[in-house]
Amino acid sequence: MRIEEISIDSKKYPQKLRNIYDPPKKLYVLGNKELLNKFGIAIVGSRQATQYGKMNSYNVAKELSKNGVVIISGLAVGIDSYSHWGAIKAFDMNWNSAGTVAVLGSGIDNIYPKENIKLAKNIIKLGGCIISEYSIGTKPERLHFPQRNRIISGISNGVLVVEATKKSGALITADFAIEQGKNVYAIPGDINRKESEGCNELIKDGAILVTSYKEILENCIEK
């Protein structure tokens, strides 16, 4: 399977992404690019996820995927990884999974972190897609990750933050979603844990509190 280069003036370029402020001029795509134009929810959160966060991201991703929702995340360790694996589980069980999209902060040939190379291979094998705005050979750099977050929210129809500290990069994705006119959902957490501070603050600021994947589906239907 080859990596495809899609410029912003191409008919193949995802319309949702074209509509955001500062869309990438080019996308590098490996896998099923049709997923980029389907209904999707981004699931993001802390790299240092608790068991609570891991369980919720995996289960919500699995159930949304079973119900035809593409799962979008950033292939990072923690919440991102469990979200991708949840969608993969739905596919693996022949539950009519919608698939999953991973947005990288490096070139597609430089999967980061290395421990997620197996995950990346499974995403492609099971009908998913890996994308990046960075050209082949580009190494991961710290600034790339907050920049790619606008793409995670940009190709989604809404963003779910599962677990986040006050300084988590997931909150950058939530900010992009608000800027782009997308719904932000958040799962509440223990008020005594720093890993829950970001989500609890989002809810106080107007994010939609969710305790089940069903609430996201119902909200999407209402829209």
N, C-alpha and C. Protein backbone atom coordinates (compact mmCIF):
# COMPACT_ATOMS: atom_id res chain seq x y z
N MET A 1 0.84 -1.20 0.00
CA MET A 1 0.00 0.00 0.00
C MET A 1 0.88 1.25 0.00
N ARG A 2 0.56 2.18 -0.88
CA ARG A 2 1.42 3.37 -1.00
C ARG A 2 0.83 4.56 -0.27
N ILE A 3 1.72 5.48 0.08
CA ILE A 3 1.30 6.74 0.71
C ILE A 3 0.84 7.69 -0.39
N GLU A 4 -0.35 8.24 -0.21
CA GLU A 4 -0.92 9.15 -1.20
C GLU A 4 -0.78 10.60 -0.73
N GLU A 5 -0.40 11.47 -1.64
CA GLU A 5 -0.29 12.90 -1.33
C GLU A 5 -1.51 13.62 -1.90
N ILE A 6 -2.23 14.32 -1.04
CA ILE A 6 -3.47 15.01 -1.45
C ILE A 6 -3.33 16.50 -1.17
N SER A 7 -3.39 17.31 -2.20
CA SER A 7 -3.27 18.76 -2.03
C SER A 7 -4.64 19.36 -1.73
N ILE A 8 -4.65 20.55 -1.18
CA ILE A 8 -5.88 21.19 -0.73
C ILE A 8 -6.85 21.50 -1.87
N ASP A 9 -6.34 21.61 -3.09
CA ASP A 9 -7.22 21.90 -4.23
C ASP A 9 -7.73 20.62 -4.91
N SER A 10 -7.41 19.47 -4.33
CA SER A 10 -7.87 18.20 -4.88
C SER A 10 -9.29 17.88 -4.40
N LYS A 11 -10.06 17.21 -5.25
CA LYS A 11 -11.41 16.77 -4.87
C LYS A 11 -11.35 15.72 -3.76
N LYS A 12 -10.19 15.09 -3.60
CA LYS A 12 -10.03 14.06 -2.57
C LYS A 12 -9.79 14.66 -1.18
N TYR A 13 -9.49 15.95 -1.13
CA TYR A 13 -9.19 16.60 0.15
C TYR A 13 -10.46 16.67 1.00
N PRO A 14 -10.38 16.27 2.29
CA PRO A 14 -11.60 16.27 3.12
C PRO A 14 -12.21 17.65 3.31
N GLN A 15 -13.49 17.77 3.01
CA GLN A 15 -14.17 19.06 3.03
C GLN A 15 -14.18 19.67 4.43
N LYS A 16 -14.38 18.85 5.46
CA LYS A 16 -14.40 19.38 6.82
C LYS A 16 -13.09 20.08 7.15
N LEU A 17 -11.99 19.50 6.69
CA LEU A 17 -10.67 20.07 6.98
C LEU A 17 -10.43 21.33 6.17
N ARG A 18 -10.92 21.35 4.96
CA ARG A 18 -10.76 22.52 4.10
C ARG A 18 -11.42 23.75 4.72
N ASN A 19 -12.45 23.53 5.53
CA ASN A 19 -13.23 24.63 6.09
C ASN A 19 -12.62 25.27 7.33
N ILE A 20 -11.57 24.68 7.90
CA ILE A 20 -11.01 25.23 9.14
C ILE A 20 -10.04 26.38 8.83
N TYR A 21 -9.72 27.14 9.87
CA TYR A 21 -8.68 28.15 9.75
C TYR A 21 -7.33 27.45 9.63
N ASP A 22 -6.51 27.88 8.70
CA ASP A 22 -5.17 27.32 8.49
C ASP A 22 -5.18 25.82 8.20
N PRO A 23 -5.92 25.38 7.18
CA PRO A 23 -5.87 23.96 6.82
C PRO A 23 -4.52 23.62 6.21
N PRO A 24 -4.04 22.39 6.40
CA PRO A 24 -2.76 22.01 5.79
C PRO A 24 -2.85 22.05 4.27
N LYS A 25 -1.79 22.52 3.66
CA LYS A 25 -1.77 22.62 2.19
C LYS A 25 -1.75 21.25 1.53
N LYS A 26 -1.15 20.28 2.24
CA LYS A 26 -1.09 18.91 1.73
C LYS A 26 -1.36 17.93 2.86
N LEU A 27 -1.92 16.80 2.50
CA LEU A 27 -2.07 15.69 3.42
C LEU A 27 -1.38 14.47 2.83
N TYR A 28 -0.71 13.74 3.68
CA TYR A 28 -0.12 12.46 3.28
C TYR A 28 -0.97 11.38 3.94
N VAL A 29 -1.47 10.46 3.13
CA VAL A 29 -2.49 9.52 3.59
C VAL A 29 -2.07 8.09 3.28
N LEU A 30 -2.19 7.23 4.29
CA LEU A 30 -1.96 5.81 4.11
C LEU A 30 -3.19 5.06 4.60
N GLY A 31 -3.79 4.27 3.73
CA GLY A 31 -4.97 3.51 4.13
C GLY A 31 -6.25 4.03 3.50
N ASN A 32 -7.34 3.82 4.19
CA ASN A 32 -8.68 4.10 3.67
C ASN A 32 -9.02 5.59 3.82
N LYS A 33 -8.74 6.37 2.80
CA LYS A 33 -8.98 7.82 2.85
C LYS A 33 -10.46 8.18 2.88
N GLU A 34 -11.33 7.23 2.53
CA GLU A 34 -12.77 7.50 2.56
C GLU A 34 -13.25 7.84 3.98
N LEU A 35 -12.53 7.36 4.98
CA LEU A 35 -12.91 7.64 6.37
C LEU A 35 -12.84 9.12 6.70
N LEU A 36 -12.03 9.87 5.97
CA LEU A 36 -11.82 11.29 6.27
C LEU A 36 -13.06 12.13 5.99
N ASN A 37 -13.98 11.59 5.22
CA ASN A 37 -15.20 12.32 4.89
C ASN A 37 -16.44 11.74 5.57
N LYS A 38 -16.23 10.77 6.44
CA LYS A 38 -17.36 10.17 7.15
C LYS A 38 -17.55 10.83 8.52
N PHE A 39 -18.68 10.54 9.14
CA PHE A 39 -18.95 11.11 10.46
C PHE A 39 -17.97 10.53 11.47
N GLY A 40 -17.29 11.40 12.19
CA GLY A 40 -16.28 10.93 13.13
C GLY A 40 -16.25 11.74 14.41
N ILE A 41 -15.84 11.08 15.47
CA ILE A 41 -15.62 11.72 16.77
C ILE A 41 -14.16 11.53 17.16
N ALA A 42 -13.51 12.64 17.51
CA ALA A 42 -12.14 12.57 18.02
C ALA A 42 -12.18 12.25 19.51
N ILE A 43 -11.36 11.30 19.92
CA ILE A 43 -11.24 10.95 21.34
C ILE A 43 -9.81 11.20 21.76
N VAL A 44 -9.62 12.09 22.71
CA VAL A 44 -8.28 12.52 23.10
C VAL A 44 -8.17 12.58 24.62
N GLY A 45 -6.92 12.69 25.09
CA GLY A 45 -6.71 12.77 26.53
C GLY A 45 -5.25 12.59 26.89
N SER A 46 -5.02 12.36 28.14
CA SER A 46 -3.68 12.32 28.70
C SER A 46 -2.86 11.13 28.24
N ARG A 47 -1.55 11.36 28.08
CA ARG A 47 -0.64 10.24 27.84
C ARG A 47 -0.45 9.42 29.10
N GLN A 48 -0.47 10.08 30.25
CA GLN A 48 -0.34 9.40 31.54
C GLN A 48 -1.74 9.05 32.06
N ALA A 49 -2.41 8.20 31.34
CA ALA A 49 -3.80 7.89 31.64
C ALA A 49 -3.92 6.94 32.84
N THR A 50 -4.98 7.14 33.60
CA THR A 50 -5.30 6.22 34.69
C THR A 50 -6.07 5.03 34.13
N GLN A 51 -6.28 4.03 34.97
CA GLN A 51 -7.08 2.88 34.53
C GLN A 51 -8.50 3.31 34.16
N TYR A 52 -9.01 4.28 34.90
CA TYR A 52 -10.34 4.85 34.64
C TYR A 52 -10.39 5.45 33.23
N GLY A 53 -9.38 6.22 32.88
CA GLY A 53 -9.33 6.85 31.57
C GLY A 53 -9.14 5.84 30.45
N LYS A 54 -8.28 4.86 30.67
CA LYS A 54 -8.04 3.83 29.66
C LYS A 54 -9.32 3.04 29.37
N MET A 55 -10.00 2.66 30.44
CA MET A 55 -11.23 1.87 30.30
C MET A 55 -12.29 2.67 29.54
N ASN A 56 -12.47 3.92 29.90
CA ASN A 56 -13.51 4.73 29.27
C ASN A 56 -13.20 5.01 27.80
N SER A 57 -11.95 5.33 27.50
CA SER A 57 -11.61 5.62 26.10
C SER A 57 -11.79 4.38 25.22
N TYR A 58 -11.36 3.23 25.72
CA TYR A 58 -11.50 1.97 24.97
C TYR A 58 -12.96 1.62 24.74
N ASN A 59 -13.75 1.66 25.80
CA ASN A 59 -15.15 1.25 25.69
C ASN A 59 -15.99 2.22 24.86
N VAL A 60 -15.79 3.52 25.05
CA VAL A 60 -16.56 4.50 24.27
C VAL A 60 -16.20 4.38 22.79
N ALA A 61 -14.90 4.26 22.49
CA ALA A 61 -14.47 4.11 21.10
C ALA A 61 -15.06 2.86 20.47
N LYS A 62 -15.04 1.77 21.20
CA LYS A 62 -15.59 0.50 20.69
C LYS A 62 -17.07 0.63 20.37
N GLU A 63 -17.82 1.22 21.29
CA GLU A 63 -19.27 1.32 21.11
C GLU A 63 -19.65 2.32 20.02
N LEU A 64 -18.95 3.45 19.96
CA LEU A 64 -19.22 4.41 18.90
C LEU A 64 -18.91 3.80 17.54
N SER A 65 -17.79 3.09 17.47
CA SER A 65 -17.39 2.46 16.22
C SER A 65 -18.42 1.43 15.77
N LYS A 66 -18.95 0.66 16.72
CA LYS A 66 -20.00 -0.32 16.41
C LYS A 66 -21.23 0.37 15.82
N ASN A 67 -21.42 1.62 16.17
CA ASN A 67 -22.59 2.37 15.72
C ASN A 67 -22.28 3.28 14.52
N GLY A 68 -21.20 2.98 13.81
CA GLY A 68 -20.92 3.67 12.55
C GLY A 68 -20.16 4.96 12.65
N VAL A 69 -19.56 5.24 13.82
CA VAL A 69 -18.81 6.48 14.00
C VAL A 69 -17.31 6.20 13.84
N VAL A 70 -16.66 6.95 12.97
CA VAL A 70 -15.20 6.84 12.80
C VAL A 70 -14.52 7.44 14.04
N ILE A 71 -13.54 6.74 14.57
CA ILE A 71 -12.80 7.20 15.74
C ILE A 71 -11.49 7.84 15.29
N ILE A 72 -11.28 9.08 15.72
CA ILE A 72 -10.11 9.86 15.31
C ILE A 72 -9.26 10.16 16.55
N SER A 73 -7.96 9.93 16.46
CA SER A 73 -7.08 10.27 17.57
C SER A 73 -5.65 10.45 17.04
N GLY A 74 -4.70 10.57 17.97
CA GLY A 74 -3.36 10.98 17.57
C GLY A 74 -2.24 9.96 17.73
N LEU A 75 -2.58 8.69 17.98
CA LEU A 75 -1.61 7.59 18.08
C LEU A 75 -0.62 7.75 19.23
N ALA A 76 -0.87 8.67 20.15
CA ALA A 76 0.00 8.80 21.31
C ALA A 76 -0.28 7.66 22.29
N VAL A 77 0.61 7.48 23.25
CA VAL A 77 0.33 6.51 24.31
C VAL A 77 -0.80 7.05 25.18
N GLY A 78 -1.38 6.19 25.98
CA GLY A 78 -2.45 6.64 26.86
C GLY A 78 -3.81 6.60 26.19
N ILE A 79 -4.58 7.67 26.35
CA ILE A 79 -5.96 7.72 25.87
C ILE A 79 -6.04 7.48 24.36
N ASP A 80 -5.15 8.10 23.59
CA ASP A 80 -5.17 7.92 22.13
C ASP A 80 -5.09 6.45 21.76
N SER A 81 -4.11 5.76 22.32
CA SER A 81 -3.90 4.35 21.97
C SER A 81 -5.12 3.50 22.30
N TYR A 82 -5.68 3.70 23.49
CA TYR A 82 -6.84 2.90 23.90
C TYR A 82 -8.06 3.21 23.04
N SER A 83 -8.16 4.43 22.55
CA SER A 83 -9.26 4.78 21.66
C SER A 83 -9.12 4.04 20.33
N HIS A 84 -7.92 4.06 19.76
CA HIS A 84 -7.69 3.33 18.51
C HIS A 84 -7.94 1.83 18.70
N TRP A 85 -7.44 1.28 19.80
CA TRP A 85 -7.63 -0.16 20.03
C TRP A 85 -9.10 -0.52 20.22
N GLY A 86 -9.87 0.37 20.83
CA GLY A 86 -11.30 0.12 20.98
C GLY A 86 -12.00 0.01 19.64
N ALA A 87 -11.65 0.91 18.71
CA ALA A 87 -12.23 0.86 17.37
C ALA A 87 -11.79 -0.40 16.63
N ILE A 88 -10.53 -0.76 16.82
CA ILE A 88 -10.01 -1.97 16.18
C ILE A 88 -10.73 -3.21 16.71
N LYS A 89 -11.01 -3.23 18.01
CA LYS A 89 -11.73 -4.36 18.60
C LYS A 89 -13.10 -4.52 17.96
N ALA A 90 -13.78 -3.39 17.73
CA ALA A 90 -15.10 -3.45 17.10
C ALA A 90 -15.00 -4.06 15.71
N PHE A 91 -13.96 -3.68 14.97
CA PHE A 91 -13.75 -4.22 13.62
C PHE A 91 -13.43 -5.71 13.70
N ASP A 92 -12.56 -6.06 14.63
CA ASP A 92 -12.08 -7.44 14.77
C ASP A 92 -13.22 -8.39 15.13
N MET A 93 -14.24 -7.87 15.81
CA MET A 93 -15.37 -8.70 16.21
C MET A 93 -16.50 -8.68 15.18
N ASN A 94 -16.21 -8.12 13.99
CA ASN A 94 -17.20 -8.05 12.91
C ASN A 94 -18.47 -7.33 13.34
N TRP A 95 -18.28 -6.22 14.05
CA TRP A 95 -19.41 -5.44 14.53
C TRP A 95 -19.70 -4.24 13.63
N ASN A 96 -19.38 -4.38 12.37
CA ASN A 96 -19.65 -3.29 11.42
C ASN A 96 -18.93 -2.00 11.82
N SER A 97 -17.70 -2.15 12.28
CA SER A 97 -16.91 -1.01 12.74
C SER A 97 -16.71 0.01 11.64
N ALA A 98 -16.74 1.29 12.02
CA ALA A 98 -16.54 2.36 11.05
C ALA A 98 -15.06 2.62 10.78
N GLY A 99 -14.18 2.10 11.63
CA GLY A 99 -12.75 2.30 11.43
C GLY A 99 -12.19 3.43 12.29
N THR A 100 -10.88 3.61 12.19
CA THR A 100 -10.21 4.63 13.00
C THR A 100 -9.14 5.35 12.19
N VAL A 101 -8.95 6.63 12.50
CA VAL A 101 -7.97 7.48 11.81
C VAL A 101 -6.95 7.98 12.83
N ALA A 102 -5.67 7.83 12.52
CA ALA A 102 -4.59 8.34 13.37
C ALA A 102 -3.93 9.53 12.67
N VAL A 103 -3.81 10.63 13.40
CA VAL A 103 -3.19 11.84 12.86
C VAL A 103 -1.82 12.01 13.52
N LEU A 104 -0.77 12.02 12.71
CA LEU A 104 0.59 12.02 13.24
C LEU A 104 1.20 13.42 13.33
N GLY A 105 2.21 13.52 14.19
CA GLY A 105 3.01 14.73 14.29
C GLY A 105 4.38 14.52 13.68
N SER A 106 4.44 13.62 12.71
CA SER A 106 5.68 13.27 12.00
C SER A 106 5.30 12.77 10.63
N GLY A 107 6.30 12.46 9.80
CA GLY A 107 6.00 11.83 8.52
C GLY A 107 5.42 10.44 8.76
N ILE A 108 4.59 9.96 7.83
CA ILE A 108 3.94 8.66 8.00
C ILE A 108 4.96 7.53 8.10
N ASP A 109 6.14 7.73 7.53
CA ASP A 109 7.17 6.70 7.60
C ASP A 109 7.95 6.74 8.91
N ASN A 110 7.62 7.70 9.78
CA ASN A 110 8.27 7.82 11.09
C ASN A 110 7.22 7.71 12.19
N ILE A 111 6.69 6.51 12.38
CA ILE A 111 5.66 6.32 13.39
C ILE A 111 6.23 6.65 14.78
N TYR A 112 5.46 7.49 15.50
CA TYR A 112 5.89 7.88 16.84
C TYR A 112 4.68 7.87 17.77
N PRO A 113 4.86 7.27 18.97
CA PRO A 113 6.07 6.63 19.50
C PRO A 113 6.29 5.25 18.88
N LYS A 114 7.53 4.78 18.94
CA LYS A 114 7.88 3.51 18.32
C LYS A 114 7.08 2.35 18.89
N GLU A 115 6.70 2.47 20.15
CA GLU A 115 5.95 1.39 20.77
C GLU A 115 4.56 1.21 20.14
N ASN A 116 4.14 2.18 19.33
CA ASN A 116 2.83 2.08 18.68
C ASN A 116 2.92 1.69 17.20
N ILE A 117 4.06 1.19 16.79
CA ILE A 117 4.19 0.70 15.41
C ILE A 117 3.20 -0.45 15.16
N LYS A 118 3.08 -1.34 16.13
CA LYS A 118 2.13 -2.46 16.00
C LYS A 118 0.71 -1.93 15.87
N LEU A 119 0.37 -0.93 16.67
CA LEU A 119 -0.96 -0.33 16.59
C LEU A 119 -1.20 0.28 15.22
N ALA A 120 -0.21 1.01 14.70
CA ALA A 120 -0.34 1.63 13.38
C ALA A 120 -0.57 0.58 12.30
N LYS A 121 0.14 -0.53 12.38
CA LYS A 121 -0.03 -1.61 11.40
C LYS A 121 -1.43 -2.20 11.48
N ASN A 122 -1.95 -2.34 12.69
CA ASN A 122 -3.30 -2.87 12.86
C ASN A 122 -4.36 -1.91 12.34
N ILE A 123 -4.13 -0.61 12.51
CA ILE A 123 -5.08 0.38 11.98
C ILE A 123 -5.22 0.22 10.48
N ILE A 124 -4.10 0.08 9.78
CA ILE A 124 -4.12 -0.07 8.33
C ILE A 124 -4.70 -1.42 7.93
N LYS A 125 -4.27 -2.47 8.61
CA LYS A 125 -4.71 -3.83 8.29
C LYS A 125 -6.22 -3.97 8.39
N LEU A 126 -6.81 -3.27 9.36
CA LEU A 126 -8.24 -3.42 9.61
C LEU A 126 -9.06 -2.25 9.07
N GLY A 127 -8.60 -1.71 7.95
CA GLY A 127 -9.43 -0.75 7.22
C GLY A 127 -9.39 0.68 7.68
N GLY A 128 -8.41 1.03 8.51
CA GLY A 128 -8.30 2.40 9.00
C GLY A 128 -7.38 3.25 8.14
N CYS A 129 -6.95 4.36 8.70
CA CYS A 129 -6.21 5.35 7.93
C CYS A 129 -5.23 6.09 8.84
N ILE A 130 -4.04 6.39 8.31
CA ILE A 130 -3.05 7.20 9.01
C ILE A 130 -2.76 8.41 8.14
N ILE A 131 -2.79 9.61 8.73
CA ILE A 131 -2.56 10.82 7.95
C ILE A 131 -1.57 11.74 8.65
N SER A 132 -0.97 12.62 7.86
CA SER A 132 -0.06 13.63 8.40
C SER A 132 0.03 14.79 7.42
N GLU A 133 0.28 15.98 7.96
CA GLU A 133 0.58 17.12 7.08
C GLU A 133 2.08 17.22 6.81
N TYR A 134 2.85 16.36 7.47
CA TYR A 134 4.31 16.41 7.36
C TYR A 134 4.80 15.43 6.31
N SER A 135 5.74 15.87 5.52
CA SER A 135 6.22 15.08 4.38
C SER A 135 6.99 13.85 4.83
N ILE A 136 7.17 12.93 3.90
CA ILE A 136 7.91 11.70 4.16
C ILE A 136 9.31 12.05 4.66
N GLY A 137 9.73 11.37 5.71
CA GLY A 137 11.05 11.59 6.27
C GLY A 137 11.08 12.57 7.44
N THR A 138 9.96 13.28 7.66
CA THR A 138 9.93 14.26 8.75
C THR A 138 9.91 13.55 10.10
N LYS A 139 10.84 13.95 10.96
CA LYS A 139 10.92 13.35 12.29
C LYS A 139 9.95 14.06 13.24
N PRO A 140 9.52 13.37 14.29
CA PRO A 140 8.63 14.01 15.26
C PRO A 140 9.35 15.13 16.01
N GLU A 141 8.70 16.26 16.12
CA GLU A 141 9.23 17.37 16.89
C GLU A 141 8.15 17.87 17.84
N ARG A 142 8.59 18.44 18.94
CA ARG A 142 7.65 18.83 20.00
C ARG A 142 6.53 19.75 19.49
N LEU A 143 6.88 20.71 18.65
CA LEU A 143 5.89 21.67 18.18
C LEU A 143 4.88 21.06 17.20
N HIS A 144 5.24 19.94 16.59
CA HIS A 144 4.35 19.32 15.61
C HIS A 144 3.04 18.83 16.26
N PHE A 145 3.11 18.42 17.52
CA PHE A 145 1.96 17.76 18.13
C PHE A 145 0.81 18.71 18.44
N PRO A 146 1.06 19.87 19.05
CA PRO A 146 -0.06 20.81 19.19
C PRO A 146 -0.57 21.32 17.85
N GLN A 147 0.30 21.41 16.84
CA GLN A 147 -0.14 21.86 15.51
C GLN A 147 -1.06 20.84 14.85
N ARG A 148 -0.74 19.56 15.01
CA ARG A 148 -1.56 18.53 14.36
C ARG A 148 -2.93 18.40 15.02
N ASN A 149 -3.07 18.95 16.24
CA ASN A 149 -4.34 18.83 16.95
C ASN A 149 -5.49 19.52 16.21
N ARG A 150 -5.16 20.57 15.43
CA ARG A 150 -6.21 21.25 14.66
C ARG A 150 -6.76 20.32 13.58
N ILE A 151 -5.94 19.36 13.13
CA ILE A 151 -6.38 18.39 12.13
C ILE A 151 -7.26 17.33 12.79
N ILE A 152 -6.88 16.90 13.98
CA ILE A 152 -7.69 15.92 14.72
C ILE A 152 -9.11 16.45 14.90
N SER A 153 -9.22 17.69 15.35
CA SER A 153 -10.57 18.27 15.51
C SER A 153 -11.18 18.62 14.16
N GLY A 154 -10.34 19.01 13.21
CA GLY A 154 -10.83 19.46 11.91
C GLY A 154 -11.54 18.40 11.10
N ILE A 155 -11.09 17.16 11.17
CA ILE A 155 -11.73 16.09 10.39
C ILE A 155 -12.83 15.41 11.20
N SER A 156 -13.04 15.87 12.43
CA SER A 156 -14.07 15.28 13.29
C SER A 156 -15.36 16.10 13.23
N ASN A 157 -16.41 15.50 13.77
CA ASN A 157 -17.68 16.22 13.96
C ASN A 157 -17.87 16.62 15.41
N GLY A 158 -16.92 16.28 16.25
CA GLY A 158 -16.95 16.62 17.66
C GLY A 158 -15.75 16.00 18.35
N VAL A 159 -15.41 16.53 19.52
CA VAL A 159 -14.24 16.06 20.25
C VAL A 159 -14.64 15.64 21.66
N LEU A 160 -14.25 14.43 22.03
CA LEU A 160 -14.44 13.93 23.38
C LEU A 160 -13.11 13.92 24.12
N VAL A 161 -13.05 14.64 25.24
CA VAL A 161 -11.86 14.60 26.10
C VAL A 161 -12.19 13.65 27.25
N VAL A 162 -11.42 12.58 27.33
CA VAL A 162 -11.71 11.52 28.31
C VAL A 162 -11.08 11.81 29.66
N GLU A 163 -9.84 12.26 29.63
CA GLU A 163 -9.10 12.49 30.87
C GLU A 163 -7.94 13.43 30.55
N ALA A 164 -7.77 14.48 31.36
CA ALA A 164 -6.73 15.46 31.05
C ALA A 164 -6.37 16.30 32.28
N THR A 165 -5.10 16.58 32.43
CA THR A 165 -4.67 17.54 33.43
C THR A 165 -4.95 18.94 32.90
N LYS A 166 -4.68 19.95 33.72
CA LYS A 166 -4.92 21.33 33.30
C LYS A 166 -4.01 21.76 32.16
N LYS A 167 -2.86 21.09 32.01
CA LYS A 167 -1.90 21.47 30.97
C LYS A 167 -1.82 20.45 29.85
N SER A 168 -2.78 19.57 29.78
CA SER A 168 -2.78 18.52 28.75
C SER A 168 -2.95 19.09 27.35
N GLY A 169 -2.25 18.49 26.39
CA GLY A 169 -2.41 18.87 25.00
C GLY A 169 -3.81 18.61 24.48
N ALA A 170 -4.55 17.72 25.15
CA ALA A 170 -5.93 17.43 24.74
C ALA A 170 -6.79 18.69 24.82
N LEU A 171 -6.45 19.59 25.72
CA LEU A 171 -7.23 20.83 25.86
C LEU A 171 -6.99 21.75 24.67
N ILE A 172 -5.82 21.62 24.03
CA ILE A 172 -5.56 22.37 22.80
C ILE A 172 -6.51 21.89 21.71
N THR A 173 -6.70 20.57 21.64
CA THR A 173 -7.63 20.02 20.66
C THR A 173 -9.04 20.51 20.93
N ALA A 174 -9.41 20.58 22.20
CA ALA A 174 -10.74 21.09 22.56
C ALA A 174 -10.89 22.56 22.14
N ASP A 175 -9.85 23.35 22.34
CA ASP A 175 -9.89 24.76 21.93
C ASP A 175 -10.06 24.90 20.42
N PHE A 176 -9.34 24.06 19.66
CA PHE A 176 -9.49 24.07 18.21
C PHE A 176 -10.92 23.71 17.81
N ALA A 177 -11.48 22.71 18.50
CA ALA A 177 -12.85 22.28 18.19
C ALA A 177 -13.84 23.42 18.40
N ILE A 178 -13.69 24.14 19.49
CA ILE A 178 -14.58 25.28 19.76
C ILE A 178 -14.42 26.34 18.67
N GLU A 179 -13.18 26.63 18.30
CA GLU A 179 -12.89 27.59 17.24
C GLU A 179 -13.53 27.17 15.92
N GLN A 180 -13.58 25.87 15.68
CA GLN A 180 -14.11 25.32 14.43
C GLN A 180 -15.63 25.09 14.49
N GLY A 181 -16.25 25.42 15.61
CA GLY A 181 -17.69 25.25 15.74
C GLY A 181 -18.13 23.83 16.01
N LYS A 182 -17.24 23.02 16.57
CA LYS A 182 -17.57 21.62 16.87
C LYS A 182 -17.96 21.48 18.34
N ASN A 183 -18.78 20.48 18.64
CA ASN A 183 -19.12 20.18 20.02
C ASN A 183 -17.92 19.59 20.76
N VAL A 184 -17.77 19.98 22.01
CA VAL A 184 -16.76 19.38 22.88
C VAL A 184 -17.49 18.61 23.98
N TYR A 185 -17.14 17.34 24.13
CA TYR A 185 -17.70 16.48 25.16
C TYR A 185 -16.59 16.17 26.17
N ALA A 186 -16.97 15.94 27.41
CA ALA A 186 -15.98 15.60 28.42
C ALA A 186 -16.56 14.61 29.42
N ILE A 187 -15.73 13.67 29.84
CA ILE A 187 -16.12 12.71 30.86
C ILE A 187 -15.65 13.24 32.22
N PRO A 188 -16.56 13.38 33.18
CA PRO A 188 -16.15 13.91 34.48
C PRO A 188 -15.26 12.92 35.22
N GLY A 189 -14.44 13.44 36.13
CA GLY A 189 -13.55 12.56 36.89
C GLY A 189 -13.48 12.95 38.35
N ASP A 190 -12.70 12.21 39.08
CA ASP A 190 -12.49 12.41 40.50
C ASP A 190 -11.96 13.81 40.77
N ILE A 191 -12.66 14.58 41.60
CA ILE A 191 -12.25 15.96 41.87
C ILE A 191 -10.93 16.04 42.64
N ASN A 192 -10.48 14.92 43.17
CA ASN A 192 -9.24 14.91 43.95
C ASN A 192 -8.03 14.44 43.14
N ARG A 193 -8.23 14.19 41.84
CA ARG A 193 -7.12 13.71 41.00
C ARG A 193 -6.78 14.75 39.97
N LYS A 194 -5.47 15.02 39.81
CA LYS A 194 -5.03 16.01 38.83
C LYS A 194 -5.36 15.58 37.40
N GLU A 195 -5.44 14.25 37.18
CA GLU A 195 -5.75 13.75 35.84
C GLU A 195 -7.16 14.11 35.39
N SER A 196 -7.99 14.52 36.32
CA SER A 196 -9.38 14.87 35.99
C SER A 196 -9.61 16.38 35.92
N GLU A 197 -8.62 17.17 36.31
CA GLU A 197 -8.82 18.62 36.40
C GLU A 197 -9.21 19.25 35.07
N GLY A 198 -8.58 18.81 33.99
CA GLY A 198 -8.86 19.39 32.68
C GLY A 198 -10.29 19.15 32.24
N CYS A 199 -10.77 17.90 32.37
CA CYS A 199 -12.14 17.57 31.98
C CYS A 199 -13.16 18.29 32.84
N ASN A 200 -12.91 18.32 34.13
CA ASN A 200 -13.85 18.99 35.03
C ASN A 200 -13.94 20.49 34.74
N GLU A 201 -12.81 21.09 34.37
CA GLU A 201 -12.80 22.50 33.99
C GLU A 201 -13.55 22.72 32.68
N LEU A 202 -13.36 21.82 31.72
CA LEU A 202 -14.08 21.93 30.45
C LEU A 202 -15.59 21.91 30.68
N ILE A 203 -16.03 21.03 31.55
CA ILE A 203 -17.46 20.92 31.84
C ILE A 203 -17.97 22.21 32.49
N LYS A 204 -17.21 22.76 33.41
CA LYS A 204 -17.59 24.03 34.05
C LYS A 204 -17.68 25.15 33.03
N ASP A 205 -16.83 25.06 31.98
CA ASP A 205 -16.79 26.10 30.95
C ASP A 205 -17.80 25.87 29.82
N GLY A 206 -18.59 24.80 29.90
CA GLY A 206 -19.64 24.61 28.91
C GLY A 206 -19.55 23.37 28.05
N ALA A 207 -18.50 22.55 28.22
CA ALA A 207 -18.43 21.30 27.47
C ALA A 207 -19.60 20.40 27.88
N ILE A 208 -20.00 19.52 26.97
CA ILE A 208 -21.13 18.62 27.23
C ILE A 208 -20.67 17.44 28.08
N LEU A 209 -21.22 17.32 29.27
CA LEU A 209 -20.87 16.22 30.17
C LEU A 209 -21.47 14.93 29.63
N VAL A 210 -20.63 13.90 29.50
CA VAL A 210 -21.14 12.60 29.05
C VAL A 210 -20.64 11.50 29.98
N THR A 211 -21.51 10.54 30.22
CA THR A 211 -21.14 9.38 31.02
C THR A 211 -21.35 8.08 30.24
N SER A 212 -21.77 8.22 28.98
CA SER A 212 -22.02 7.05 28.13
C SER A 212 -21.88 7.45 26.66
N TYR A 213 -21.45 6.50 25.85
CA TYR A 213 -21.37 6.73 24.41
C TYR A 213 -22.74 7.09 23.83
N LYS A 214 -23.80 6.59 24.47
CA LYS A 214 -25.16 6.83 23.98
C LYS A 214 -25.50 8.32 23.98
N GLU A 215 -24.97 9.05 24.94
CA GLU A 215 -25.25 10.48 25.03
C GLU A 215 -24.62 11.23 23.85
N ILE A 216 -23.47 10.76 23.40
CA ILE A 216 -22.84 11.37 22.22
C ILE A 216 -23.66 11.07 20.98
N LEU A 217 -24.10 9.83 20.83
CA LEU A 217 -24.93 9.46 19.68
C LEU A 217 -26.23 10.25 19.66
N GLU A 218 -26.86 10.38 20.82
CA GLU A 218 -28.13 11.12 20.90
C GLU A 218 -27.92 12.59 20.54
N ASN A 219 -26.82 13.16 21.01
CA ASN A 219 -26.53 14.56 20.71
C ASN A 219 -26.28 14.76 19.22
N CYS A 220 -25.60 13.79 18.61
CA CYS A 220 -25.31 13.86 17.17
C CYS A 220 -26.59 13.78 16.35
N ILE A 221 -27.52 12.93 16.79
CA ILE A 221 -28.81 12.77 16.09
C ILE A 221 -29.62 14.06 16.18
N GLU A 222 -29.58 14.69 17.37
CA GLU A 222 -30.32 15.94 17.57
C GLU A 222 -29.81 17.04 16.66
N LYS A 223 -28.49 17.04 16.41
CA LYS A 223 -27.90 18.07 15.54
C LYS A 223 -28.31 17.84 14.09
